[in-house]
């Protein structure tokens, strides 16, 4: 099993890295492709979208929102029109378990690349609104206080396939409730 990222698919391209991290993920995919073709290696490649969950210390969007909800600080954000595809960690783990089961059961017809997506990307502004609703707090967000990043993903990769028999189960509202209780 290999883990990639939706960052390998800028502008929905089969391959166009958003950054060096995504380029290194693709480089390793090339190494795996060699072993698949030359040594008959069997591989399922899961490309993760944004993830969140308990004990996440990475400073990602929900962690930042939680922090400012507790401190009252202001947060400078982009204009907030980019779509965010964010998946709760329990759903991600389910995708890994299922992929592992396919490989150990020799279901090699499932080998390939799959997106581990919420299947429902929403604008960043809406993510913040949902967080505020769940947390019961209005956050101090300065929309447009910083520019979009170079190669900002405005619309996430959407030409992916889901792993057969896998679907995300935890809606964002429920995931945020769990996130706020567990972090």
N, C-alpha and C. Protein backbone atom coordinates (compact mmCIF):
# COMPACT_ATOMS: atom_id res chain seq x y z
N UNK A 1 0.85 -1.16 0.00
CA UNK A 1 0.00 0.00 0.00
C UNK A 1 0.91 1.23 0.00
N UNK A 2 0.53 2.20 -0.82
CA UNK A 2 1.26 3.46 -0.88
C UNK A 2 0.29 4.60 -0.57
N UNK A 3 0.83 5.67 0.00
CA UNK A 3 0.00 6.83 0.33
C UNK A 3 0.50 8.03 -0.45
N UNK A 4 -0.40 8.59 -1.24
CA UNK A 4 -0.12 9.82 -1.97
C UNK A 4 -1.01 10.93 -1.44
N UNK A 5 -1.08 12.01 -2.21
CA UNK A 5 -1.84 13.18 -1.79
C UNK A 5 -2.56 13.79 -2.98
N UNK A 6 -3.69 14.41 -2.70
CA UNK A 6 -4.40 15.12 -3.76
C UNK A 6 -3.57 16.29 -4.27
N UNK A 7 -2.53 16.69 -3.55
CA UNK A 7 -1.61 17.74 -4.00
C UNK A 7 -0.82 17.32 -5.24
N UNK A 8 -0.88 16.05 -5.62
CA UNK A 8 -0.23 15.59 -6.84
C UNK A 8 -1.05 15.93 -8.09
N UNK A 9 -2.23 16.52 -7.88
CA UNK A 9 -3.20 16.69 -8.97
C UNK A 9 -3.67 18.14 -9.10
N UNK A 10 -2.75 19.09 -9.16
CA UNK A 10 -3.12 20.50 -9.31
C UNK A 10 -3.98 20.67 -10.56
N UNK A 11 -5.03 21.45 -10.44
CA UNK A 11 -5.98 21.69 -11.54
C UNK A 11 -6.54 20.40 -12.13
N UNK A 12 -6.72 19.39 -11.25
CA UNK A 12 -7.31 18.11 -11.61
C UNK A 12 -6.46 17.32 -12.60
N UNK A 13 -5.20 17.65 -12.73
CA UNK A 13 -4.32 16.95 -13.67
C UNK A 13 -4.00 15.55 -13.14
N UNK A 14 -3.72 14.64 -14.07
CA UNK A 14 -3.29 13.30 -13.65
C UNK A 14 -2.04 13.43 -12.78
N UNK A 15 -1.13 14.31 -13.20
CA UNK A 15 0.03 14.63 -12.36
C UNK A 15 0.47 16.05 -12.62
N UNK A 16 0.40 16.85 -11.60
CA UNK A 16 0.92 18.21 -11.58
C UNK A 16 1.09 18.58 -10.12
N UNK A 17 2.33 18.49 -9.60
CA UNK A 17 2.52 18.69 -8.17
C UNK A 17 2.29 20.15 -7.75
N UNK A 18 1.60 20.31 -6.63
CA UNK A 18 1.38 21.64 -6.05
C UNK A 18 2.68 22.16 -5.44
N UNK A 19 3.46 21.24 -4.88
CA UNK A 19 4.69 21.63 -4.17
C UNK A 19 5.70 20.47 -4.21
N UNK A 20 6.84 20.68 -3.58
CA UNK A 20 7.89 19.66 -3.58
C UNK A 20 7.43 18.39 -2.87
N UNK A 21 6.67 18.53 -1.80
CA UNK A 21 6.14 17.37 -1.09
C UNK A 21 5.36 16.48 -2.06
N UNK A 22 4.48 17.07 -2.84
CA UNK A 22 3.68 16.30 -3.81
C UNK A 22 4.58 15.68 -4.88
N UNK A 23 5.62 16.39 -5.27
CA UNK A 23 6.54 15.86 -6.28
C UNK A 23 7.27 14.63 -5.75
N UNK A 24 7.64 14.64 -4.45
CA UNK A 24 8.33 13.47 -3.89
C UNK A 24 7.37 12.29 -3.78
N UNK A 25 6.10 12.56 -3.49
CA UNK A 25 5.11 11.48 -3.46
C UNK A 25 5.00 10.83 -4.84
N UNK A 26 4.98 11.66 -5.87
CA UNK A 26 4.88 11.14 -7.24
C UNK A 26 6.15 10.38 -7.62
N UNK A 27 7.30 10.87 -7.17
CA UNK A 27 8.55 10.18 -7.47
C UNK A 27 8.53 8.77 -6.89
N UNK A 28 8.03 8.63 -5.67
CA UNK A 28 7.97 7.30 -5.09
C UNK A 28 6.95 6.43 -5.83
N UNK A 29 5.88 7.04 -6.30
CA UNK A 29 4.91 6.28 -7.11
C UNK A 29 5.59 5.72 -8.36
N UNK A 30 6.54 6.48 -8.91
CA UNK A 30 7.30 5.99 -10.06
C UNK A 30 8.15 4.78 -9.71
N UNK A 31 8.74 4.78 -8.53
CA UNK A 31 9.53 3.64 -8.06
C UNK A 31 8.61 2.42 -7.92
N UNK A 32 7.45 2.64 -7.33
CA UNK A 32 6.49 1.53 -7.18
C UNK A 32 6.06 1.00 -8.54
N UNK A 33 5.82 1.90 -9.48
CA UNK A 33 5.41 1.48 -10.83
C UNK A 33 6.46 0.54 -11.44
N UNK A 34 7.73 0.86 -11.22
CA UNK A 34 8.78 -0.03 -11.71
C UNK A 34 8.61 -1.44 -11.13
N UNK A 35 8.43 -1.53 -9.81
CA UNK A 35 8.29 -2.83 -9.17
C UNK A 35 6.99 -3.54 -9.58
N UNK A 36 5.94 -2.79 -9.82
CA UNK A 36 4.69 -3.39 -10.31
C UNK A 36 4.93 -4.05 -11.67
N UNK A 37 5.63 -3.33 -12.55
CA UNK A 37 5.85 -3.84 -13.90
C UNK A 37 6.97 -4.88 -13.97
N UNK A 38 8.06 -4.65 -13.24
CA UNK A 38 9.23 -5.52 -13.37
C UNK A 38 9.21 -6.71 -12.42
N UNK A 39 8.56 -6.56 -11.27
CA UNK A 39 8.61 -7.61 -10.25
C UNK A 39 7.23 -8.10 -9.81
N UNK A 40 6.19 -7.67 -10.52
CA UNK A 40 4.83 -8.12 -10.25
C UNK A 40 4.34 -7.74 -8.85
N UNK A 41 4.85 -6.64 -8.31
CA UNK A 41 4.37 -6.13 -7.03
C UNK A 41 2.90 -5.74 -7.17
N UNK A 42 2.13 -5.97 -6.15
CA UNK A 42 0.72 -5.56 -6.13
C UNK A 42 0.59 -4.38 -5.18
N UNK A 43 -0.09 -3.34 -5.63
CA UNK A 43 -0.15 -2.11 -4.82
C UNK A 43 -1.49 -1.41 -4.98
N UNK A 44 -1.98 -0.92 -3.85
CA UNK A 44 -3.10 0.02 -3.85
C UNK A 44 -2.53 1.34 -3.37
N UNK A 45 -2.80 2.38 -4.14
CA UNK A 45 -2.26 3.72 -3.87
C UNK A 45 -3.42 4.60 -3.42
N UNK A 46 -3.40 5.03 -2.16
CA UNK A 46 -4.45 5.89 -1.62
C UNK A 46 -3.95 7.33 -1.59
N UNK A 47 -4.64 8.21 -2.28
CA UNK A 47 -4.28 9.63 -2.30
C UNK A 47 -5.22 10.35 -1.34
N UNK A 48 -4.65 10.82 -0.25
CA UNK A 48 -5.43 11.45 0.81
C UNK A 48 -5.73 12.91 0.49
N UNK A 49 -6.93 13.31 0.87
CA UNK A 49 -7.31 14.73 0.88
C UNK A 49 -7.00 15.25 2.28
N UNK A 50 -7.40 16.47 2.59
CA UNK A 50 -7.15 16.99 3.94
C UNK A 50 -7.79 16.08 4.97
N UNK A 51 -7.10 15.89 6.08
CA UNK A 51 -7.59 15.01 7.14
C UNK A 51 -7.59 15.76 8.47
N UNK A 52 -8.41 15.28 9.39
CA UNK A 52 -8.44 15.86 10.74
C UNK A 52 -8.93 14.81 11.71
N UNK A 53 -8.67 15.06 13.00
CA UNK A 53 -9.14 14.13 14.02
C UNK A 53 -8.51 14.46 15.36
N UNK A 54 -8.78 13.61 16.32
CA UNK A 54 -8.28 13.81 17.68
C UNK A 54 -6.76 13.85 17.71
N UNK A 55 -6.24 14.67 18.59
CA UNK A 55 -4.80 14.78 18.84
C UNK A 55 -4.00 15.23 17.62
N UNK A 56 -4.64 15.89 16.68
CA UNK A 56 -3.95 16.40 15.49
C UNK A 56 -3.22 17.69 15.86
N UNK A 57 -1.92 17.67 15.87
CA UNK A 57 -1.10 18.81 16.28
C UNK A 57 -0.44 19.53 15.11
N UNK A 58 -0.92 19.29 13.87
CA UNK A 58 -0.24 19.80 12.68
C UNK A 58 -0.48 21.27 12.39
N UNK A 59 -1.35 21.95 13.09
CA UNK A 59 -1.61 23.36 12.78
C UNK A 59 -2.42 23.54 11.51
N UNK A 60 -3.25 22.55 11.19
CA UNK A 60 -4.12 22.64 10.01
C UNK A 60 -5.33 23.50 10.36
N UNK A 61 -6.22 23.70 9.40
CA UNK A 61 -7.30 24.68 9.54
C UNK A 61 -8.16 24.46 10.78
N UNK A 62 -8.61 23.25 11.06
CA UNK A 62 -9.48 23.07 12.22
C UNK A 62 -8.73 23.31 13.53
N UNK A 63 -7.47 22.95 13.58
CA UNK A 63 -6.67 23.25 14.77
C UNK A 63 -6.51 24.74 14.99
N UNK A 64 -6.31 25.48 13.89
CA UNK A 64 -6.21 26.94 13.99
C UNK A 64 -7.54 27.55 14.45
N UNK A 65 -8.63 27.05 13.92
CA UNK A 65 -9.95 27.56 14.32
C UNK A 65 -10.22 27.26 15.79
N UNK A 66 -9.85 26.07 16.23
CA UNK A 66 -10.03 25.71 17.65
C UNK A 66 -9.21 26.65 18.53
N UNK A 67 -7.99 26.89 18.13
CA UNK A 67 -7.11 27.76 18.93
C UNK A 67 -7.72 29.16 19.06
N UNK A 68 -8.16 29.77 17.96
CA UNK A 68 -8.68 31.13 18.07
C UNK A 68 -10.05 31.15 18.75
N UNK A 69 -10.77 30.02 18.73
CA UNK A 69 -12.04 29.97 19.46
C UNK A 69 -11.80 30.00 20.95
N UNK A 70 -10.64 29.51 21.38
CA UNK A 70 -10.28 29.48 22.80
C UNK A 70 -9.59 30.77 23.25
N UNK A 71 -8.81 31.39 22.36
CA UNK A 71 -8.03 32.58 22.74
C UNK A 71 -8.69 33.90 22.38
N UNK A 72 -9.61 33.86 21.41
CA UNK A 72 -10.23 35.10 20.94
C UNK A 72 -9.36 35.87 19.96
N UNK A 73 -8.20 35.31 19.61
CA UNK A 73 -7.31 35.96 18.64
C UNK A 73 -8.01 36.10 17.29
N UNK A 74 -7.50 37.04 16.49
CA UNK A 74 -7.96 37.18 15.10
C UNK A 74 -7.07 36.31 14.22
N UNK A 75 -7.62 35.84 13.13
CA UNK A 75 -6.86 35.02 12.19
C UNK A 75 -7.02 35.62 10.80
N UNK A 76 -5.89 35.98 10.21
CA UNK A 76 -5.90 36.46 8.83
C UNK A 76 -5.99 35.27 7.91
N UNK A 77 -6.97 35.33 7.01
CA UNK A 77 -7.20 34.23 6.09
C UNK A 77 -7.22 34.76 4.66
N UNK A 78 -7.12 33.86 3.73
CA UNK A 78 -7.30 34.20 2.31
C UNK A 78 -8.74 34.67 2.13
N UNK A 79 -9.13 35.07 0.93
CA UNK A 79 -10.53 35.42 0.72
C UNK A 79 -11.51 34.26 1.00
N UNK A 80 -11.02 33.02 1.05
CA UNK A 80 -11.83 31.89 1.51
C UNK A 80 -12.74 31.25 0.49
N UNK A 81 -12.46 31.46 -0.78
CA UNK A 81 -13.32 30.89 -1.82
C UNK A 81 -12.87 29.51 -2.28
N UNK A 82 -11.67 29.07 -1.87
CA UNK A 82 -11.20 27.76 -2.29
C UNK A 82 -12.04 26.67 -1.64
N UNK A 83 -12.23 25.58 -2.39
CA UNK A 83 -12.98 24.44 -1.88
C UNK A 83 -12.06 23.55 -1.06
N UNK A 84 -12.57 23.10 0.07
CA UNK A 84 -11.83 22.25 0.99
C UNK A 84 -12.50 20.88 1.00
N UNK A 85 -11.70 19.83 0.87
CA UNK A 85 -12.18 18.45 0.94
C UNK A 85 -11.49 17.83 2.14
N UNK A 86 -12.23 17.69 3.23
CA UNK A 86 -11.62 17.30 4.50
C UNK A 86 -12.30 16.04 5.04
N UNK A 87 -11.50 15.06 5.45
CA UNK A 87 -11.98 13.73 5.81
C UNK A 87 -11.59 13.42 7.25
N UNK A 88 -12.55 12.95 8.04
CA UNK A 88 -12.28 12.59 9.43
C UNK A 88 -11.39 11.35 9.46
N UNK A 89 -10.49 11.30 10.42
CA UNK A 89 -9.47 10.25 10.48
C UNK A 89 -10.06 8.84 10.56
N UNK A 90 -11.18 8.66 11.22
CA UNK A 90 -11.79 7.32 11.29
C UNK A 90 -12.14 6.80 9.89
N UNK A 91 -12.61 7.70 9.03
CA UNK A 91 -12.91 7.30 7.65
C UNK A 91 -11.64 6.95 6.89
N UNK A 92 -10.58 7.70 7.14
CA UNK A 92 -9.28 7.43 6.49
C UNK A 92 -8.78 6.05 6.92
N UNK A 93 -8.86 5.78 8.21
CA UNK A 93 -8.42 4.48 8.73
C UNK A 93 -9.22 3.35 8.08
N UNK A 94 -10.52 3.55 7.93
CA UNK A 94 -11.36 2.53 7.28
C UNK A 94 -10.88 2.25 5.85
N UNK A 95 -10.47 3.29 5.13
CA UNK A 95 -9.96 3.09 3.77
C UNK A 95 -8.67 2.26 3.79
N UNK A 96 -7.79 2.54 4.76
CA UNK A 96 -6.55 1.76 4.87
C UNK A 96 -6.85 0.30 5.21
N UNK A 97 -7.75 0.08 6.15
CA UNK A 97 -8.09 -1.29 6.54
C UNK A 97 -8.68 -2.06 5.35
N UNK A 98 -9.58 -1.42 4.64
CA UNK A 98 -10.20 -2.08 3.49
C UNK A 98 -9.16 -2.38 2.41
N UNK A 99 -8.28 -1.44 2.12
CA UNK A 99 -7.23 -1.67 1.12
C UNK A 99 -6.33 -2.83 1.56
N UNK A 100 -6.00 -2.87 2.84
CA UNK A 100 -5.19 -3.98 3.36
C UNK A 100 -5.89 -5.32 3.21
N UNK A 101 -7.19 -5.33 3.45
CA UNK A 101 -7.97 -6.57 3.28
C UNK A 101 -7.96 -7.02 1.82
N UNK A 102 -8.10 -6.07 0.91
CA UNK A 102 -8.07 -6.43 -0.51
C UNK A 102 -6.72 -7.05 -0.89
N UNK A 103 -5.65 -6.46 -0.40
CA UNK A 103 -4.32 -6.97 -0.75
C UNK A 103 -4.07 -8.35 -0.12
N UNK A 104 -4.45 -8.52 1.14
CA UNK A 104 -4.20 -9.82 1.79
C UNK A 104 -5.11 -10.91 1.24
N UNK A 105 -6.27 -10.53 0.70
CA UNK A 105 -7.17 -11.51 0.09
C UNK A 105 -6.85 -11.72 -1.39
N UNK A 106 -5.74 -11.13 -1.85
CA UNK A 106 -5.29 -11.26 -3.24
C UNK A 106 -6.32 -10.74 -4.24
N UNK A 107 -7.06 -9.70 -3.86
CA UNK A 107 -8.01 -9.07 -4.79
C UNK A 107 -7.23 -8.03 -5.61
N UNK A 108 -6.35 -8.53 -6.44
CA UNK A 108 -5.44 -7.67 -7.18
C UNK A 108 -6.12 -6.85 -8.26
N UNK A 109 -7.34 -7.22 -8.60
CA UNK A 109 -8.06 -6.41 -9.57
C UNK A 109 -8.40 -5.04 -8.98
N UNK A 110 -8.25 -4.87 -7.66
CA UNK A 110 -8.47 -3.58 -7.01
C UNK A 110 -7.19 -2.75 -6.93
N UNK A 111 -6.08 -3.27 -7.40
CA UNK A 111 -4.84 -2.49 -7.37
C UNK A 111 -5.02 -1.28 -8.28
N UNK A 112 -4.54 -0.15 -7.83
CA UNK A 112 -4.68 1.09 -8.58
C UNK A 112 -4.64 2.27 -7.63
N UNK A 113 -5.01 3.43 -8.12
CA UNK A 113 -4.97 4.67 -7.34
C UNK A 113 -6.39 5.11 -7.03
N UNK A 114 -6.60 5.47 -5.76
CA UNK A 114 -7.92 5.89 -5.29
C UNK A 114 -7.81 7.15 -4.43
N UNK A 115 -8.79 8.00 -4.53
CA UNK A 115 -8.87 9.17 -3.67
C UNK A 115 -9.58 8.82 -2.38
N UNK A 116 -9.06 9.31 -1.26
CA UNK A 116 -9.72 9.16 0.04
C UNK A 116 -10.29 10.54 0.36
N UNK A 117 -11.52 10.75 -0.09
CA UNK A 117 -12.16 12.06 -0.15
C UNK A 117 -13.45 12.08 0.66
N UNK A 118 -13.83 13.26 1.12
CA UNK A 118 -15.15 13.42 1.74
C UNK A 118 -16.24 13.29 0.69
N UNK A 119 -15.89 13.47 -0.55
CA UNK A 119 -16.77 13.51 -1.73
C UNK A 119 -17.64 14.76 -1.75
N UNK A 120 -17.43 15.67 -0.79
CA UNK A 120 -18.26 16.89 -0.70
C UNK A 120 -17.40 18.10 -0.37
N UNK A 121 -16.53 18.53 -1.30
CA UNK A 121 -15.73 19.72 -1.01
C UNK A 121 -16.63 20.95 -0.84
N UNK A 122 -16.25 21.80 0.11
CA UNK A 122 -17.03 23.01 0.37
C UNK A 122 -16.08 24.20 0.51
N UNK A 123 -16.57 25.41 0.27
CA UNK A 123 -15.71 26.59 0.40
C UNK A 123 -15.17 26.74 1.82
N UNK A 124 -13.96 27.24 1.92
CA UNK A 124 -13.33 27.47 3.22
C UNK A 124 -14.23 28.31 4.12
N UNK A 125 -14.88 29.31 3.57
CA UNK A 125 -15.78 30.14 4.37
C UNK A 125 -16.89 29.29 5.01
N UNK A 126 -17.37 28.30 4.28
CA UNK A 126 -18.42 27.43 4.83
C UNK A 126 -17.87 26.51 5.92
N UNK A 127 -16.63 26.05 5.75
CA UNK A 127 -15.98 25.24 6.80
C UNK A 127 -15.95 26.05 8.10
N UNK A 128 -15.56 27.31 8.00
CA UNK A 128 -15.50 28.17 9.18
C UNK A 128 -16.89 28.35 9.78
N UNK A 129 -17.89 28.57 8.94
CA UNK A 129 -19.26 28.75 9.43
C UNK A 129 -19.74 27.50 10.16
N UNK A 130 -19.49 26.33 9.61
CA UNK A 130 -19.88 25.07 10.26
C UNK A 130 -19.15 24.94 11.60
N UNK A 131 -17.86 25.26 11.62
CA UNK A 131 -17.10 25.20 12.87
C UNK A 131 -17.73 26.14 13.91
N UNK A 132 -18.04 27.37 13.50
CA UNK A 132 -18.67 28.32 14.42
C UNK A 132 -20.00 27.78 14.96
N UNK A 133 -20.80 27.21 14.09
CA UNK A 133 -22.10 26.66 14.50
C UNK A 133 -21.92 25.53 15.52
N UNK A 134 -21.00 24.62 15.24
CA UNK A 134 -20.77 23.49 16.14
C UNK A 134 -20.17 23.95 17.46
N UNK A 135 -19.20 24.87 17.40
CA UNK A 135 -18.53 25.35 18.61
C UNK A 135 -19.39 26.35 19.39
N UNK A 136 -20.38 26.93 18.72
CA UNK A 136 -21.23 27.92 19.37
C UNK A 136 -20.51 29.23 19.62
N UNK A 137 -19.53 29.55 18.77
CA UNK A 137 -18.75 30.77 18.92
C UNK A 137 -18.52 31.43 17.58
N UNK A 138 -18.62 32.74 17.56
CA UNK A 138 -18.25 33.52 16.37
C UNK A 138 -16.74 33.73 16.43
N UNK A 139 -16.08 33.43 15.34
CA UNK A 139 -14.62 33.57 15.29
C UNK A 139 -14.23 34.89 14.65
N UNK A 140 -13.08 35.39 15.07
CA UNK A 140 -12.55 36.63 14.51
C UNK A 140 -11.66 36.28 13.31
N UNK A 141 -12.28 36.30 12.13
CA UNK A 141 -11.57 35.95 10.89
C UNK A 141 -11.46 37.21 10.04
N UNK A 142 -10.27 37.49 9.58
CA UNK A 142 -10.05 38.61 8.65
C UNK A 142 -9.95 38.02 7.24
N UNK A 143 -11.10 37.91 6.57
CA UNK A 143 -11.13 37.36 5.22
C UNK A 143 -10.41 38.30 4.27
N UNK A 144 -9.49 37.75 3.49
CA UNK A 144 -8.69 38.55 2.57
C UNK A 144 -7.49 39.20 3.26
N UNK A 145 -7.25 38.83 4.50
CA UNK A 145 -6.12 39.38 5.26
C UNK A 145 -4.77 38.86 4.79
N UNK A 146 -4.80 37.83 4.00
CA UNK A 146 -3.59 37.30 3.36
C UNK A 146 -3.97 36.82 1.98
N UNK A 147 -3.03 36.82 1.06
CA UNK A 147 -3.36 36.38 -0.31
C UNK A 147 -3.42 34.86 -0.39
N UNK A 148 -4.00 34.38 -1.47
CA UNK A 148 -3.92 32.95 -1.75
C UNK A 148 -2.46 32.58 -1.93
N UNK A 149 -2.11 31.36 -1.57
CA UNK A 149 -0.75 30.88 -1.77
C UNK A 149 -0.47 30.67 -3.26
N UNK A 150 0.80 30.64 -3.60
CA UNK A 150 1.17 30.26 -4.97
C UNK A 150 0.64 28.84 -5.20
N UNK A 151 0.04 28.61 -6.33
CA UNK A 151 -0.53 27.32 -6.70
C UNK A 151 -1.59 26.85 -5.70
N UNK A 152 -2.36 27.80 -5.19
CA UNK A 152 -3.48 27.47 -4.29
C UNK A 152 -4.44 26.56 -5.04
N UNK A 153 -4.87 25.51 -4.39
CA UNK A 153 -5.86 24.62 -4.98
C UNK A 153 -7.23 25.23 -4.71
N UNK A 154 -7.85 25.73 -5.77
CA UNK A 154 -9.17 26.35 -5.63
C UNK A 154 -10.28 25.30 -5.73
N UNK A 155 -10.05 24.30 -6.56
CA UNK A 155 -10.98 23.17 -6.71
C UNK A 155 -10.15 21.91 -6.59
N UNK A 156 -10.39 21.08 -5.56
CA UNK A 156 -9.58 19.87 -5.38
C UNK A 156 -9.76 18.87 -6.53
N UNK A 157 -8.81 17.99 -6.62
CA UNK A 157 -8.84 16.88 -7.57
C UNK A 157 -10.20 16.21 -7.51
N UNK A 158 -10.83 16.00 -8.64
CA UNK A 158 -12.16 15.40 -8.64
C UNK A 158 -12.32 14.27 -9.65
N UNK A 159 -11.27 13.90 -10.35
CA UNK A 159 -11.39 12.80 -11.31
C UNK A 159 -10.90 11.48 -10.71
N UNK A 160 -10.81 11.42 -9.39
CA UNK A 160 -10.38 10.20 -8.71
C UNK A 160 -11.50 9.17 -8.70
N UNK A 161 -11.13 7.94 -8.35
CA UNK A 161 -12.09 6.87 -8.08
C UNK A 161 -12.01 6.60 -6.57
N UNK A 162 -13.13 6.22 -5.98
CA UNK A 162 -13.13 5.76 -4.59
C UNK A 162 -12.78 4.29 -4.55
N UNK A 163 -12.13 3.87 -3.49
CA UNK A 163 -11.84 2.46 -3.28
C UNK A 163 -13.16 1.69 -3.25
N UNK A 164 -13.27 0.60 -4.00
CA UNK A 164 -14.53 -0.15 -4.01
C UNK A 164 -15.00 -0.50 -2.59
N UNK A 165 -16.29 -0.30 -2.35
CA UNK A 165 -16.97 -0.57 -1.07
C UNK A 165 -16.59 0.39 0.05
N UNK A 166 -15.87 1.47 -0.25
CA UNK A 166 -15.54 2.46 0.78
C UNK A 166 -16.30 3.76 0.49
N UNK A 167 -16.85 4.33 1.53
CA UNK A 167 -17.47 5.65 1.47
C UNK A 167 -17.17 6.35 2.79
N UNK A 168 -16.96 7.65 2.78
CA UNK A 168 -16.82 8.35 4.05
C UNK A 168 -18.15 8.30 4.79
N UNK A 169 -18.09 8.17 6.10
CA UNK A 169 -19.31 8.03 6.89
C UNK A 169 -19.55 9.21 7.83
N UNK A 170 -18.52 9.92 8.18
CA UNK A 170 -18.64 10.96 9.22
C UNK A 170 -18.77 12.33 8.56
N UNK A 171 -19.97 12.93 8.65
CA UNK A 171 -20.15 14.27 8.07
C UNK A 171 -19.32 15.30 8.85
N UNK A 172 -19.03 16.41 8.19
CA UNK A 172 -18.17 17.43 8.78
C UNK A 172 -18.68 17.91 10.14
N UNK A 173 -19.96 18.16 10.28
CA UNK A 173 -20.49 18.63 11.56
C UNK A 173 -20.20 17.63 12.68
N UNK A 174 -20.44 16.37 12.42
CA UNK A 174 -20.18 15.32 13.42
C UNK A 174 -18.69 15.21 13.71
N UNK A 175 -17.87 15.27 12.66
CA UNK A 175 -16.42 15.20 12.84
C UNK A 175 -15.89 16.35 13.67
N UNK A 176 -16.42 17.55 13.44
CA UNK A 176 -15.97 18.71 14.22
C UNK A 176 -16.37 18.54 15.68
N UNK A 177 -17.56 18.02 15.95
CA UNK A 177 -17.96 17.76 17.34
C UNK A 177 -16.96 16.81 18.00
N UNK A 178 -16.62 15.73 17.31
CA UNK A 178 -15.64 14.78 17.86
C UNK A 178 -14.29 15.45 18.04
N UNK A 179 -13.88 16.22 17.06
CA UNK A 179 -12.60 16.91 17.11
C UNK A 179 -12.53 17.84 18.32
N UNK A 180 -13.57 18.60 18.56
CA UNK A 180 -13.58 19.54 19.68
C UNK A 180 -13.59 18.83 21.04
N UNK A 181 -14.22 17.67 21.11
CA UNK A 181 -14.28 16.92 22.37
C UNK A 181 -12.96 16.20 22.66
N UNK A 182 -12.25 15.78 21.63
CA UNK A 182 -11.10 14.92 21.81
C UNK A 182 -9.76 15.62 21.77
N UNK A 183 -9.74 16.89 21.38
CA UNK A 183 -8.42 17.55 21.30
C UNK A 183 -8.21 18.44 22.50
